[in-house]
């Protein structure tokens, strides 16, 4: 069913895993104008806990618009202001490409899963 605005419904799921000093947010689905506020809220909630480090895991994220980039950059800015480590991890596919094309990949210190190296065959 298409909502009245004429746009398809987009789902975003955010779960968290905590240790004594850090929190990892696992983000699954699409981050766009309709869902970026959920990411903003999740990041703000973690930064309010007193954690020393926040990782935003994008391994389950299939799309990231400029609204998602803005949410990540705002989260990083707030984390820096609170002296909390902030890192986007495991971005692949379209989200990784968007981070690279917008020039924020290195700023957000993004890592991605890479396939293991294949052994070199002897000649």
PDB file of N, CA and C in Angstrom:
ATOM      1  N   UNK A   1       0.839  -1.182   0.000  1.00  0.00           N
ATOM      2  CA  UNK A   1       0.000   0.000   0.000  1.00  0.00           C
ATOM      3  C   UNK A   1       0.883   1.245   0.000  1.00  0.00           C
ATOM      4  N   UNK A   2       0.567   2.210  -0.840  1.00  0.00           N
ATOM      5  CA  UNK A   2       1.303   3.467  -0.930  1.00  0.00           C
ATOM      6  C   UNK A   2       0.648   4.481   0.011  1.00  0.00           C
ATOM      7  N   UNK A   3       1.469   5.138   0.852  1.00  0.00           N
ATOM      8  CA  UNK A   3       0.908   6.148   1.754  1.00  0.00           C
ATOM      9  C   UNK A   3       0.315   7.321   0.963  1.00  0.00           C
ATOM     10  N   UNK A   4      -0.528   8.158   1.602  1.00  0.00           N
ATOM     11  CA  UNK A   4      -1.171   9.275   0.908  1.00  0.00           C
ATOM     12  C   UNK A   4      -0.191  10.221   0.216  1.00  0.00           C
ATOM     13  N   UNK A   5       1.011  10.373   0.747  1.00  0.00           N
ATOM     14  CA  UNK A   5       1.988  11.277   0.147  1.00  0.00           C
ATOM     15  C   UNK A   5       2.492  10.749  -1.188  1.00  0.00           C
ATOM     16  N   UNK A   6       2.162   9.501  -1.517  1.00  0.00           N
ATOM     17  CA  UNK A   6       2.591   8.925  -2.777  1.00  0.00           C
ATOM     18  C   UNK A   6       3.947   8.259  -2.719  1.00  0.00           C
ATOM     19  N   UNK A   7       4.509   8.132  -1.531  1.00  0.00           N
ATOM     20  CA  UNK A   7       5.822   7.494  -1.382  1.00  0.00           C
ATOM     21  C   UNK A   7       5.664   6.156  -0.698  1.00  0.00           C
ATOM     22  N   UNK A   8       6.501   5.230  -1.092  1.00  0.00           N
ATOM     23  CA  UNK A   8       6.485   3.916  -0.459  1.00  0.00           C
ATOM     24  C   UNK A   8       7.010   4.021   0.970  1.00  0.00           C
ATOM     25  N   UNK A   9       6.525   3.160   1.847  1.00  0.00           N
ATOM     26  CA  UNK A   9       6.986   3.130   3.228  1.00  0.00           C
ATOM     27  C   UNK A   9       8.383   2.535   3.292  1.00  0.00           C
ATOM     28  N   UNK A  10       9.266   3.204   4.007  1.00  0.00           N
ATOM     29  CA  UNK A  10      10.636   2.743   4.168  1.00  0.00           C
ATOM     30  C   UNK A  10      10.825   2.323   5.609  1.00  0.00           C
ATOM     31  N   UNK A  11      11.462   1.182   5.795  1.00  0.00           N
ATOM     32  CA  UNK A  11      11.683   0.689   7.151  1.00  0.00           C
ATOM     33  C   UNK A  11      13.129   0.875   7.557  1.00  0.00           C
ATOM     34  N   UNK A  12      13.311   1.220   8.814  1.00  0.00           N
ATOM     35  CA  UNK A  12      14.635   1.328   9.401  1.00  0.00           C
ATOM     36  C   UNK A  12      14.561   0.707  10.784  1.00  0.00           C
ATOM     37  N   UNK A  13      15.501  -0.161  11.073  1.00  0.00           N
ATOM     38  CA  UNK A  13      15.578  -0.775  12.400  1.00  0.00           C
ATOM     39  C   UNK A  13      16.927  -0.434  13.008  1.00  0.00           C
ATOM     40  N   UNK A  14      16.901  -0.011  14.256  1.00  0.00           N
ATOM     41  CA  UNK A  14      18.137   0.329  14.959  1.00  0.00           C
ATOM     42  C   UNK A  14      18.128  -0.416  16.286  1.00  0.00           C
ATOM     43  N   UNK A  15      19.144  -1.240  16.475  1.00  0.00           N
ATOM     44  CA  UNK A  15      19.304  -1.941  17.741  1.00  0.00           C
ATOM     45  C   UNK A  15      20.653  -1.541  18.318  1.00  0.00           C
ATOM     46  N   UNK A  16      20.831  -1.788  19.603  1.00  0.00           N
ATOM     47  CA  UNK A  16      22.100  -1.413  20.226  1.00  0.00           C
ATOM     48  C   UNK A  16      22.666  -2.569  21.030  1.00  0.00           C
ATOM     49  N   UNK A  17      23.981  -2.554  21.126  1.00  0.00           N
ATOM     50  CA  UNK A  17      24.711  -3.514  21.953  1.00  0.00           C
ATOM     51  C   UNK A  17      25.720  -2.712  22.760  1.00  0.00           C
ATOM     52  N   UNK A  18      25.710  -2.908  24.059  1.00  0.00           N
ATOM     53  CA  UNK A  18      26.561  -2.113  24.942  1.00  0.00           C
ATOM     54  C   UNK A  18      27.592  -2.965  25.656  1.00  0.00           C
ATOM     55  N   UNK A  19      28.738  -2.345  25.915  1.00  0.00           N
ATOM     56  CA  UNK A  19      29.728  -2.892  26.826  1.00  0.00           C
ATOM     57  C   UNK A  19      29.846  -1.890  27.972  1.00  0.00           C
ATOM     58  N   UNK A  20      30.808  -2.081  28.827  1.00  0.00           N
ATOM     59  CA  UNK A  20      30.970  -1.168  29.964  1.00  0.00           C
ATOM     60  C   UNK A  20      31.242   0.262  29.510  1.00  0.00           C
ATOM     61  N   UNK A  21      31.929   0.432  28.373  1.00  0.00           N
ATOM     62  CA  UNK A  21      32.328   1.783  27.967  1.00  0.00           C
ATOM     63  C   UNK A  21      31.908   2.177  26.559  1.00  0.00           C
ATOM     64  N   UNK A  22      31.304   1.267  25.804  1.00  0.00           N
ATOM     65  CA  UNK A  22      30.962   1.608  24.429  1.00  0.00           C
ATOM     66  C   UNK A  22      29.590   1.069  24.037  1.00  0.00           C
ATOM     67  N   UNK A  23      29.062   1.652  22.969  1.00  0.00           N
ATOM     68  CA  UNK A  23      27.777   1.225  22.428  1.00  0.00           C
ATOM     69  C   UNK A  23      27.926   1.097  20.920  1.00  0.00           C
ATOM     70  N   UNK A  24      27.356   0.022  20.370  1.00  0.00           N
ATOM     71  CA  UNK A  24      27.295  -0.148  18.929  1.00  0.00           C
ATOM     72  C   UNK A  24      25.829  -0.100  18.516  1.00  0.00           C
ATOM     73  N   UNK A  25      25.519   0.827  17.618  1.00  0.00           N
ATOM     74  CA  UNK A  25      24.192   0.888  17.026  1.00  0.00           C
ATOM     75  C   UNK A  25      24.225   0.108  15.717  1.00  0.00           C
ATOM     76  N   UNK A  26      23.378  -0.884  15.589  1.00  0.00           N
ATOM     77  CA  UNK A  26      23.256  -1.662  14.357  1.00  0.00           C
ATOM     78  C   UNK A  26      22.068  -1.105  13.584  1.00  0.00           C
ATOM     79  N   UNK A  27      22.358  -0.549  12.413  1.00  0.00           N
ATOM     80  CA  UNK A  27      21.341   0.122  11.606  1.00  0.00           C
ATOM     81  C   UNK A  27      21.023  -0.751  10.400  1.00  0.00           C
ATOM     82  N   UNK A  28      19.741  -1.106  10.241  1.00  0.00           N
ATOM     83  CA  UNK A  28      19.315  -1.955   9.133  1.00  0.00           C
ATOM     84  C   UNK A  28      18.178  -1.289   8.378  1.00  0.00           C
ATOM     85  N   UNK A  29      18.282  -1.315   7.052  1.00  0.00           N
ATOM     86  CA  UNK A  29      17.235  -0.741   6.216  1.00  0.00           C
ATOM     87  C   UNK A  29      17.763   0.447   5.452  1.00  0.00           C
ATOM     88  N   UNK A  30      16.879   1.395   5.183  1.00  0.00           N
ATOM     89  CA  UNK A  30      17.216   2.568   4.390  1.00  0.00           C
ATOM     90  C   UNK A  30      17.176   3.828   5.244  1.00  0.00           C
ATOM     91  N   UNK A  31      18.248   4.614   5.153  1.00  0.00           N
ATOM     92  CA  UNK A  31      18.285   5.897   5.851  1.00  0.00           C
ATOM     93  C   UNK A  31      18.012   6.973   4.812  1.00  0.00           C
ATOM     94  N   UNK A  32      16.859   7.622   4.944  1.00  0.00           N
ATOM     95  CA  UNK A  32      16.510   8.699   4.024  1.00  0.00           C
ATOM     96  C   UNK A  32      15.808   9.803   4.811  1.00  0.00           C
ATOM     97  N   UNK A  33      15.196  10.735   4.109  1.00  0.00           N
ATOM     98  CA  UNK A  33      14.549  11.862   4.764  1.00  0.00           C
ATOM     99  C   UNK A  33      13.497  11.420   5.775  1.00  0.00           C
ATOM    100  N   UNK A  34      12.797  10.326   5.471  1.00  0.00           N
ATOM    101  CA  UNK A  34      11.749   9.844   6.372  1.00  0.00           C
ATOM    102  C   UNK A  34      12.289   9.131   7.604  1.00  0.00           C
ATOM    103  N   UNK A  35      13.489   8.569   7.536  1.00  0.00           N
ATOM    104  CA  UNK A  35      13.992   7.740   8.638  1.00  0.00           C
ATOM    105  C   UNK A  35      15.213   8.320   9.349  1.00  0.00           C
ATOM    106  N   UNK A  36      15.829   9.350   8.797  1.00  0.00           N
ATOM    107  CA  UNK A  36      17.056   9.903   9.399  1.00  0.00           C
ATOM    108  C   UNK A  36      16.820  10.405  10.822  1.00  0.00           C
ATOM    109  N   UNK A  37      15.622  10.869  11.107  1.00  0.00           N
ATOM    110  CA  UNK A  37      15.309  11.326  12.466  1.00  0.00           C
ATOM    111  C   UNK A  37      15.433  10.212  13.495  1.00  0.00           C
ATOM    112  N   UNK A  38      15.114   8.982  13.089  1.00  0.00           N
ATOM    113  CA  UNK A  38      15.278   7.841  13.994  1.00  0.00           C
ATOM    114  C   UNK A  38      16.751   7.648  14.333  1.00  0.00           C
ATOM    115  N   UNK A  39      17.617   7.810  13.339  1.00  0.00           N
ATOM    116  CA  UNK A  39      19.053   7.682  13.581  1.00  0.00           C
ATOM    117  C   UNK A  39      19.543   8.820  14.472  1.00  0.00           C
ATOM    118  N   UNK A  40      19.081  10.040  14.195  1.00  0.00           N
ATOM    119  CA  UNK A  40      19.424  11.180  15.065  1.00  0.00           C
ATOM    120  C   UNK A  40      19.061  10.884  16.512  1.00  0.00           C
ATOM    121  N   UNK A  41      17.852  10.399  16.720  1.00  0.00           N
ATOM    122  CA  UNK A  41      17.369  10.123  18.079  1.00  0.00           C
ATOM    123  C   UNK A  41      18.186   9.022  18.754  1.00  0.00           C
ATOM    124  N   UNK A  42      18.513   7.976  18.000  1.00  0.00           N
ATOM    125  CA  UNK A  42      19.286   6.865  18.569  1.00  0.00           C
ATOM    126  C   UNK A  42      20.686   7.320  18.968  1.00  0.00           C
ATOM    127  N   UNK A  43      21.312   8.111  18.104  1.00  0.00           N
ATOM    128  CA  UNK A  43      22.655   8.623  18.409  1.00  0.00           C
ATOM    129  C   UNK A  43      22.600   9.525  19.641  1.00  0.00           C
ATOM    130  N   UNK A  44      21.628  10.426  19.683  1.00  0.00           N
ATOM    131  CA  UNK A  44      21.490  11.336  20.834  1.00  0.00           C
ATOM    132  C   UNK A  44      21.264  10.554  22.129  1.00  0.00           C
ATOM    133  N   UNK A  45      20.470   9.502  22.058  1.00  0.00           N
ATOM    134  CA  UNK A  45      20.209   8.696  23.256  1.00  0.00           C
ATOM    135  C   UNK A  45      21.487   8.057  23.775  1.00  0.00           C
ATOM    136  N   UNK A  46      22.303   7.527  22.861  1.00  0.00           N
ATOM    137  CA  UNK A  46      23.574   6.907  23.275  1.00  0.00           C
ATOM    138  C   UNK A  46      24.511   7.949  23.859  1.00  0.00           C
ATOM    139  N   UNK A  47      24.599   9.105  23.209  1.00  0.00           N
ATOM    140  CA  UNK A  47      25.521  10.132  23.705  1.00  0.00           C
ATOM    141  C   UNK A  47      25.105  10.639  25.073  1.00  0.00           C
ATOM    142  N   UNK A  48      23.848  10.480  25.418  1.00  0.00           N
ATOM    143  CA  UNK A  48      23.370  10.884  26.741  1.00  0.00           C
ATOM    144  C   UNK A  48      23.647   9.869  27.837  1.00  0.00           C
ATOM    145  N   UNK A  49      24.191   8.698  27.475  1.00  0.00           N
ATOM    146  CA  UNK A  49      24.419   7.654  28.481  1.00  0.00           C
ATOM    147  C   UNK A  49      25.769   7.764  29.173  1.00  0.00           C
ATOM    148  N   UNK A  50      26.674   8.552  28.631  1.00  0.00           N
ATOM    149  CA  UNK A  50      28.013   8.642  29.200  1.00  0.00           C
ATOM    150  C   UNK A  50      28.980   7.615  28.641  1.00  0.00           C
ATOM    151  N   UNK A  51      28.605   6.943  27.566  1.00  0.00           N
ATOM    152  CA  UNK A  51      29.518   5.977  26.930  1.00  0.00           C
ATOM    153  C   UNK A  51      30.757   6.706  26.420  1.00  0.00           C
ATOM    154  N   UNK A  52      31.886   6.009  26.422  1.00  0.00           N
ATOM    155  CA  UNK A  52      33.135   6.587  25.927  1.00  0.00           C
ATOM    156  C   UNK A  52      33.269   6.496  24.417  1.00  0.00           C
ATOM    157  N   UNK A  53      32.524   5.578  23.816  1.00  0.00           N
ATOM    158  CA  UNK A  53      32.675   5.315  22.382  1.00  0.00           C
ATOM    159  C   UNK A  53      31.336   4.884  21.786  1.00  0.00           C
ATOM    160  N   UNK A  54      31.071   5.363  20.569  1.00  0.00           N
ATOM    161  CA  UNK A  54      29.877   4.982  19.828  1.00  0.00           C
ATOM    162  C   UNK A  54      30.290   4.529  18.440  1.00  0.00           C
ATOM    163  N   UNK A  55      29.876   3.331  18.070  1.00  0.00           N
ATOM    164  CA  UNK A  55      30.061   2.821  16.719  1.00  0.00           C
ATOM    165  C   UNK A  55      28.688   2.701  16.077  1.00  0.00           C
ATOM    166  N   UNK A  56      28.587   3.197  14.854  1.00  0.00           N
ATOM    167  CA  UNK A  56      27.360   3.067  14.080  1.00  0.00           C
ATOM    168  C   UNK A  56      27.649   2.049  12.990  1.00  0.00           C
ATOM    169  N   UNK A  57      27.057   0.878  13.118  1.00  0.00           N
ATOM    170  CA  UNK A  57      27.311  -0.242  12.208  1.00  0.00           C
ATOM    171  C   UNK A  57      26.285  -0.207  11.074  1.00  0.00           C
ATOM    172  N   UNK A  58      26.775   0.026   9.863  1.00  0.00           N
ATOM    173  CA  UNK A  58      25.904   0.121   8.697  1.00  0.00           C
ATOM    174  C   UNK A  58      25.861  -1.171   7.879  1.00  0.00           C
ATOM    175  N   UNK A  59      26.283  -2.287   8.442  1.00  0.00           N
ATOM    176  CA  UNK A  59      26.333  -3.529   7.667  1.00  0.00           C
ATOM    177  C   UNK A  59      24.957  -3.958   7.159  1.00  0.00           C
ATOM    178  N   UNK A  60      23.896  -3.578   7.835  1.00  0.00           N
ATOM    179  CA  UNK A  60      22.553  -3.933   7.391  1.00  0.00           C
ATOM    180  C   UNK A  60      21.840  -2.816   6.656  1.00  0.00           C
ATOM    181  N   UNK A  61      22.553  -1.743   6.368  1.00  0.00           N
ATOM    182  CA  UNK A  61      21.959  -0.588   5.703  1.00  0.00           C
ATOM    183  C   UNK A  61      22.073  -0.749   4.195  1.00  0.00           C
ATOM    184  N   UNK A  62      20.953  -0.585   3.511  1.00  0.00           N
ATOM    185  CA  UNK A  62      20.927  -0.785   2.062  1.00  0.00           C
ATOM    186  C   UNK A  62      20.938   0.517   1.271  1.00  0.00           C
ATOM    187  N   UNK A  63      20.652   1.647   1.932  1.00  0.00           N
ATOM    188  CA  UNK A  63      20.614   2.942   1.259  1.00  0.00           C
ATOM    189  C   UNK A  63      20.881   4.027   2.281  1.00  0.00           C
ATOM    190  N   UNK A  64      21.564   5.087   1.852  1.00  0.00           N
ATOM    191  CA  UNK A  64      21.821   6.231   2.725  1.00  0.00           C
ATOM    192  C   UNK A  64      21.774   7.495   1.884  1.00  0.00           C
ATOM    193  N   UNK A  65      20.790   8.339   2.138  1.00  0.00           N
ATOM    194  CA  UNK A  65      20.656   9.594   1.403  1.00  0.00           C
ATOM    195  C   UNK A  65      21.453  10.693   2.100  1.00  0.00           C
ATOM    196  N   UNK A  66      21.362  11.912   1.551  1.00  0.00           N
ATOM    197  CA  UNK A  66      22.055  13.037   2.175  1.00  0.00           C
ATOM    198  C   UNK A  66      21.509  13.296   3.581  1.00  0.00           C
ATOM    199  N   UNK A  67      20.256  12.958   3.837  1.00  0.00           N
ATOM    200  CA  UNK A  67      19.702  13.102   5.190  1.00  0.00           C
ATOM    201  C   UNK A  67      20.407  12.162   6.161  1.00  0.00           C
ATOM    202  N   UNK A  68      20.764  10.974   5.695  1.00  0.00           N
ATOM    203  CA  UNK A  68      21.519  10.032   6.520  1.00  0.00           C
ATOM    204  C   UNK A  68      22.926  10.525   6.787  1.00  0.00           C
ATOM    205  N   UNK A  69      23.563  11.080   5.756  1.00  0.00           N
ATOM    206  CA  UNK A  69      24.911  11.661   5.924  1.00  0.00           C
ATOM    207  C   UNK A  69      24.853  12.778   6.955  1.00  0.00           C
ATOM    208  N   UNK A  70      23.830  13.620   6.856  1.00  0.00           N
ATOM    209  CA  UNK A  70      23.676  14.712   7.816  1.00  0.00           C
ATOM    210  C   UNK A  70      23.516  14.176   9.234  1.00  0.00           C
ATOM    211  N   UNK A  71      22.725  13.130   9.403  1.00  0.00           N
ATOM    212  CA  UNK A  71      22.544  12.541  10.736  1.00  0.00           C
ATOM    213  C   UNK A  71      23.865  12.019  11.285  1.00  0.00           C
ATOM    214  N   UNK A  72      24.653  11.364  10.439  1.00  0.00           N
ATOM    215  CA  UNK A  72      25.950  10.839  10.880  1.00  0.00           C
ATOM    216  C   UNK A  72      26.916  11.975  11.221  1.00  0.00           C
ATOM    217  N   UNK A  73      26.950  13.007  10.389  1.00  0.00           N
ATOM    218  CA  UNK A  73      27.848  14.142  10.657  1.00  0.00           C
ATOM    219  C   UNK A  73      27.426  14.896  11.920  1.00  0.00           C
ATOM    220  N   UNK A  74      26.127  15.086  12.104  1.00  0.00           N
ATOM    221  CA  UNK A  74      25.648  15.738  13.332  1.00  0.00           C
ATOM    222  C   UNK A  74      25.990  14.901  14.560  1.00  0.00           C
ATOM    223  N   UNK A  75      25.838  13.581  14.429  1.00  0.00           N
ATOM    224  CA  UNK A  75      26.199  12.697  15.535  1.00  0.00           C
ATOM    225  C   UNK A  75      27.672  12.780  15.870  1.00  0.00           C
ATOM    226  N   UNK A  76      28.501  12.796  14.830  1.00  0.00           N
ATOM    227  CA  UNK A  76      29.948  12.914  15.055  1.00  0.00           C
ATOM    228  C   UNK A  76      30.278  14.234  15.733  1.00  0.00           C
ATOM    229  N   UNK A  77      29.668  15.319  15.243  1.00  0.00           N
ATOM    230  CA  UNK A  77      29.937  16.646  15.821  1.00  0.00           C
ATOM    231  C   UNK A  77      29.570  16.670  17.302  1.00  0.00           C
ATOM    232  N   UNK A  78      28.420  16.116  17.640  1.00  0.00           N
ATOM    233  CA  UNK A  78      27.992  16.087  19.038  1.00  0.00           C
ATOM    234  C   UNK A  78      28.893  15.182  19.871  1.00  0.00           C
ATOM    235  N   UNK A  79      29.311  14.061  19.301  1.00  0.00           N
ATOM    236  CA  UNK A  79      30.212  13.151  20.016  1.00  0.00           C
ATOM    237  C   UNK A  79      31.541  13.840  20.311  1.00  0.00           C
ATOM    238  N   UNK A  80      32.077  14.547  19.334  1.00  0.00           N
ATOM    239  CA  UNK A  80      33.338  15.269  19.536  1.00  0.00           C
ATOM    240  C   UNK A  80      33.170  16.315  20.630  1.00  0.00           C
ATOM    241  N   UNK A  81      32.059  17.023  20.614  1.00  0.00           N
ATOM    242  CA  UNK A  81      31.804  18.036  21.644  1.00  0.00           C
ATOM    243  C   UNK A  81      31.743  17.417  23.042  1.00  0.00           C
ATOM    244  N   UNK A  82      31.291  16.173  23.115  1.00  0.00           N
ATOM    245  CA  UNK A  82      31.193  15.475  24.413  1.00  0.00           C
ATOM    246  C   UNK A  82      32.416  14.611  24.701  1.00  0.00           C
ATOM    247  N   UNK A  83      33.402  14.666  23.822  1.00  0.00           N
ATOM    248  CA  UNK A  83      34.631  13.878  23.938  1.00  0.00           C
ATOM    249  C   UNK A  83      34.335  12.378  23.957  1.00  0.00           C
ATOM    250  N   UNK A  84      33.440  11.975  23.064  1.00  0.00           N
ATOM    251  CA  UNK A  84      33.066  10.573  22.885  1.00  0.00           C
ATOM    252  C   UNK A  84      33.601  10.118  21.534  1.00  0.00           C
ATOM    253  N   UNK A  85      34.259   8.968  21.500  1.00  0.00           N
ATOM    254  CA  UNK A  85      34.720   8.419  20.236  1.00  0.00           C
ATOM    255  C   UNK A  85      33.526   8.072  19.356  1.00  0.00           C
ATOM    256  N   UNK A  86      33.641   8.333  18.060  1.00  0.00           N
ATOM    257  CA  UNK A  86      32.536   8.082  17.126  1.00  0.00           C
ATOM    258  C   UNK A  86      33.104   7.501  15.857  1.00  0.00           C
ATOM    259  N   UNK A  87      32.519   6.401  15.415  1.00  0.00           N
ATOM    260  CA  UNK A  87      33.006   5.780  14.189  1.00  0.00           C
ATOM    261  C   UNK A  87      31.875   5.056  13.478  1.00  0.00           C
ATOM    262  N   UNK A  88      31.814   5.242  12.166  1.00  0.00           N
ATOM    263  CA  UNK A  88      30.907   4.473  11.328  1.00  0.00           C
ATOM    264  C   UNK A  88      31.689   3.253  10.859  1.00  0.00           C
ATOM    265  N   UNK A  89      31.105   2.077  11.023  1.00  0.00           N
ATOM    266  CA  UNK A  89      31.792   0.839  10.661  1.00  0.00           C
ATOM    267  C   UNK A  89      30.932  -0.004   9.733  1.00  0.00           C
ATOM    268  N   UNK A  90      31.602  -0.846   8.975  1.00  0.00           N
ATOM    269  CA  UNK A  90      30.973  -1.888   8.157  1.00  0.00           C
ATOM    270  C   UNK A  90      30.030  -1.383   7.077  1.00  0.00           C
ATOM    271  N   UNK A  91      30.284  -0.188   6.566  1.00  0.00           N
ATOM    272  CA  UNK A  91      29.486   0.296   5.440  1.00  0.00           C
ATOM    273  C   UNK A  91      29.925  -0.446   4.183  1.00  0.00           C
ATOM    274  N   UNK A  92      28.959  -0.906   3.414  1.00  0.00           N
ATOM    275  CA  UNK A  92      29.243  -1.597   2.162  1.00  0.00           C
ATOM    276  C   UNK A  92      28.240  -1.123   1.113  1.00  0.00           C
ATOM    277  N   UNK A  93      28.468  -1.493  -0.111  1.00  0.00           N
ATOM    278  CA  UNK A  93      27.514  -1.218  -1.182  1.00  0.00           C
ATOM    279  C   UNK A  93      27.207   0.256  -1.344  1.00  0.00           C
ATOM    280  N   UNK A  94      25.929   0.562  -1.537  1.00  0.00           N
ATOM    281  CA  UNK A  94      25.499   1.941  -1.782  1.00  0.00           C
ATOM    282  C   UNK A  94      25.863   2.875  -0.630  1.00  0.00           C
ATOM    283  N   UNK A  95      25.622   2.517   0.643  1.00  0.00           N
ATOM    284  CA  UNK A  95      26.006   3.442   1.717  1.00  0.00           C
ATOM    285  C   UNK A  95      27.505   3.781   1.703  1.00  0.00           C
ATOM    286  N   UNK A  96      28.352   2.796   1.457  1.00  0.00           N
ATOM    287  CA  UNK A  96      29.784   3.068   1.393  1.00  0.00           C
ATOM    288  C   UNK A  96      30.099   4.005   0.232  1.00  0.00           C
ATOM    289  N   UNK A  97      29.496   3.757  -0.912  1.00  0.00           N
ATOM    290  CA  UNK A  97      29.749   4.605  -2.086  1.00  0.00           C
ATOM    291  C   UNK A  97      29.295   6.040  -1.833  1.00  0.00           C
ATOM    292  N   UNK A  98      28.159   6.208  -1.166  1.00  0.00           N
ATOM    293  CA  UNK A  98      27.673   7.556  -0.840  1.00  0.00           C
ATOM    294  C   UNK A  98      28.656   8.265   0.099  1.00  0.00           C
ATOM    295  N   UNK A  99      29.161   7.548   1.101  1.00  0.00           N
ATOM    296  CA  UNK A  99      30.147   8.138   2.015  1.00  0.00           C
ATOM    297  C   UNK A  99      31.404   8.557   1.261  1.00  0.00           C
ATOM    298  N   UNK A 100      31.831   7.739   0.317  1.00  0.00           N
ATOM    299  CA  UNK A 100      33.020   8.052  -0.471  1.00  0.00           C
ATOM    300  C   UNK A 100      32.788   9.234  -1.400  1.00  0.00           C
ATOM    301  N   UNK A 101      31.669   9.232  -2.117  1.00  0.00           N
ATOM    302  CA  UNK A 101      31.388  10.294  -3.088  1.00  0.00           C
ATOM    303  C   UNK A 101      31.188  11.650  -2.428  1.00  0.00           C
ATOM    304  N   UNK A 102      30.653  11.650  -1.217  1.00  0.00           N
ATOM    305  CA  UNK A 102      30.441  12.916  -0.513  1.00  0.00           C
ATOM    306  C   UNK A 102      31.684  13.387   0.229  1.00  0.00           C
ATOM    307  N   UNK A 103      32.713  12.565   0.242  1.00  0.00           N
ATOM    308  CA  UNK A 103      33.974  12.962   0.862  1.00  0.00           C
ATOM    309  C   UNK A 103      34.000  12.861   2.369  1.00  0.00           C
ATOM    310  N   UNK A 104      33.043  12.186   2.971  1.00  0.00           N
ATOM    311  CA  UNK A 104      33.012  12.098   4.437  1.00  0.00           C
ATOM    312  C   UNK A 104      33.498  10.761   4.969  1.00  0.00           C
ATOM    313  N   UNK A 105      33.845   9.861   4.093  1.00  0.00           N
ATOM    314  CA  UNK A 105      34.267   8.528   4.522  1.00  0.00           C
ATOM    315  C   UNK A 105      35.424   8.588   5.505  1.00  0.00           C
ATOM    316  N   UNK A 106      36.461   9.329   5.154  1.00  0.00           N
ATOM    317  CA  UNK A 106      37.622   9.395   6.055  1.00  0.00           C
ATOM    318  C   UNK A 106      37.305  10.187   7.322  1.00  0.00           C
ATOM    319  N   UNK A 107      36.431  11.170   7.232  1.00  0.00           N
ATOM    320  CA  UNK A 107      36.049  11.949   8.413  1.00  0.00           C
ATOM    321  C   UNK A 107      35.327  11.080   9.434  1.00  0.00           C
ATOM    322  N   UNK A 108      34.486  10.206   8.929  1.00  0.00           N
ATOM    323  CA  UNK A 108      33.736   9.322   9.821  1.00  0.00           C
ATOM    324  C   UNK A 108      34.518   8.054  10.150  1.00  0.00           C
ATOM    325  N   UNK A 109      35.757   7.983   9.653  1.00  0.00           N
ATOM    326  CA  UNK A 109      36.665   6.842   9.848  1.00  0.00           C
ATOM    327  C   UNK A 109      35.975   5.519   9.575  1.00  0.00           C
ATOM    328  N   UNK A 110      35.385   5.444   8.430  1.00  0.00           N
ATOM    329  CA  UNK A 110      34.612   4.273   8.035  1.00  0.00           C
ATOM    330  C   UNK A 110      35.502   3.113   7.662  1.00  0.00           C
ATOM    331  N   UNK A 111      35.153   1.966   8.190  1.00  0.00           N
ATOM    332  CA  UNK A 111      35.768   0.711   7.779  1.00  0.00           C
ATOM    333  C   UNK A 111      34.697  -0.101   7.080  1.00  0.00           C
ATOM    334  N   UNK A 112      35.093  -0.950   6.197  1.00  0.00           N
ATOM    335  CA  UNK A 112      34.123  -1.851   5.587  1.00  0.00           C
ATOM    336  C   UNK A 112      34.670  -3.260   5.653  1.00  0.00           C
ATOM    337  N   UNK A 113      33.755  -4.216   5.672  1.00  0.00           N
ATOM    338  CA  UNK A 113      34.196  -5.608   5.613  1.00  0.00           C
ATOM    339  C   UNK A 113      34.726  -5.879   4.225  1.00  0.00           C
ATOM    340  N   UNK A 114      35.847  -6.459   4.156  1.00  0.00           N
ATOM    341  CA  UNK A 114      36.408  -6.833   2.867  1.00  0.00           C
ATOM    342  C   UNK A 114      36.538  -8.348   2.843  1.00  0.00           C
ATOM    343  N   UNK A 115      36.355  -8.931   1.653  1.00  0.00           N
ATOM    344  CA  UNK A 115      36.523 -10.383   1.595  1.00  0.00           C
ATOM    345  C   UNK A 115      37.951 -10.760   1.933  1.00  0.00           C
ATOM    346  N   UNK A 116      38.162 -11.932   2.507  1.00  0.00           N
ATOM    347  CA  UNK A 116      39.528 -12.347   2.824  1.00  0.00           C
ATOM    348  C   UNK A 116      40.366 -12.459   1.560  1.00  0.00           C
ATOM    349  N   UNK A 117      41.634 -12.178   1.707  1.00  0.00           N
ATOM    350  CA  UNK A 117      42.548 -12.298   0.571  1.00  0.00           C
ATOM    351  C   UNK A 117      42.653 -13.757   0.141  1.00  0.00           C
ATOM    352  N   UNK A 118      42.700 -13.930  -1.153  1.00  0.00           N
ATOM    353  CA  UNK A 118      42.897 -15.284  -1.670  1.00  0.00           C
ATOM    354  C   UNK A 118      44.400 -15.571  -1.669  1.00  0.00           C
ATOM    355  N   UNK A 119      44.764 -16.780  -1.308  1.00  0.00           N
ATOM    356  CA  UNK A 119      46.198 -17.113  -1.331  1.00  0.00           C
ATOM    357  C   UNK A 119      46.722 -17.044  -2.767  1.00  0.00           C
ATOM    358  N   UNK A 120      47.952 -16.598  -2.881  1.00  0.00           N
ATOM    359  CA  UNK A 120      48.591 -16.524  -4.188  1.00  0.00           C
ATOM    360  C   UNK A 120      49.079 -17.928  -4.553  1.00  0.00           C
ATOM    361  N   UNK A 121      48.707 -18.355  -5.745  1.00  0.00           N
ATOM    362  CA  UNK A 121      49.099 -19.680  -6.183  1.00  0.00           C
ATOM    363  C   UNK A 121      50.548 -19.657  -6.678  1.00  0.00           C
ATOM    364  N   UNK A 122      51.284 -20.685  -6.320  1.00  0.00           N
ATOM    365  CA  UNK A 122      52.679 -20.794  -6.782  1.00  0.00           C
ATOM    366  C   UNK A 122      52.706 -21.057  -8.274  1.00  0.00           C
ATOM    367  N   UNK A 123      53.650 -20.462  -8.960  1.00  0.00           N
ATOM    368  CA  UNK A 123      53.743 -20.641 -10.412  1.00  0.00           C
ATOM    369  C   UNK A 123      54.482 -21.876 -10.785  1.00  0.00           C
TER     370      UNK A 123
END
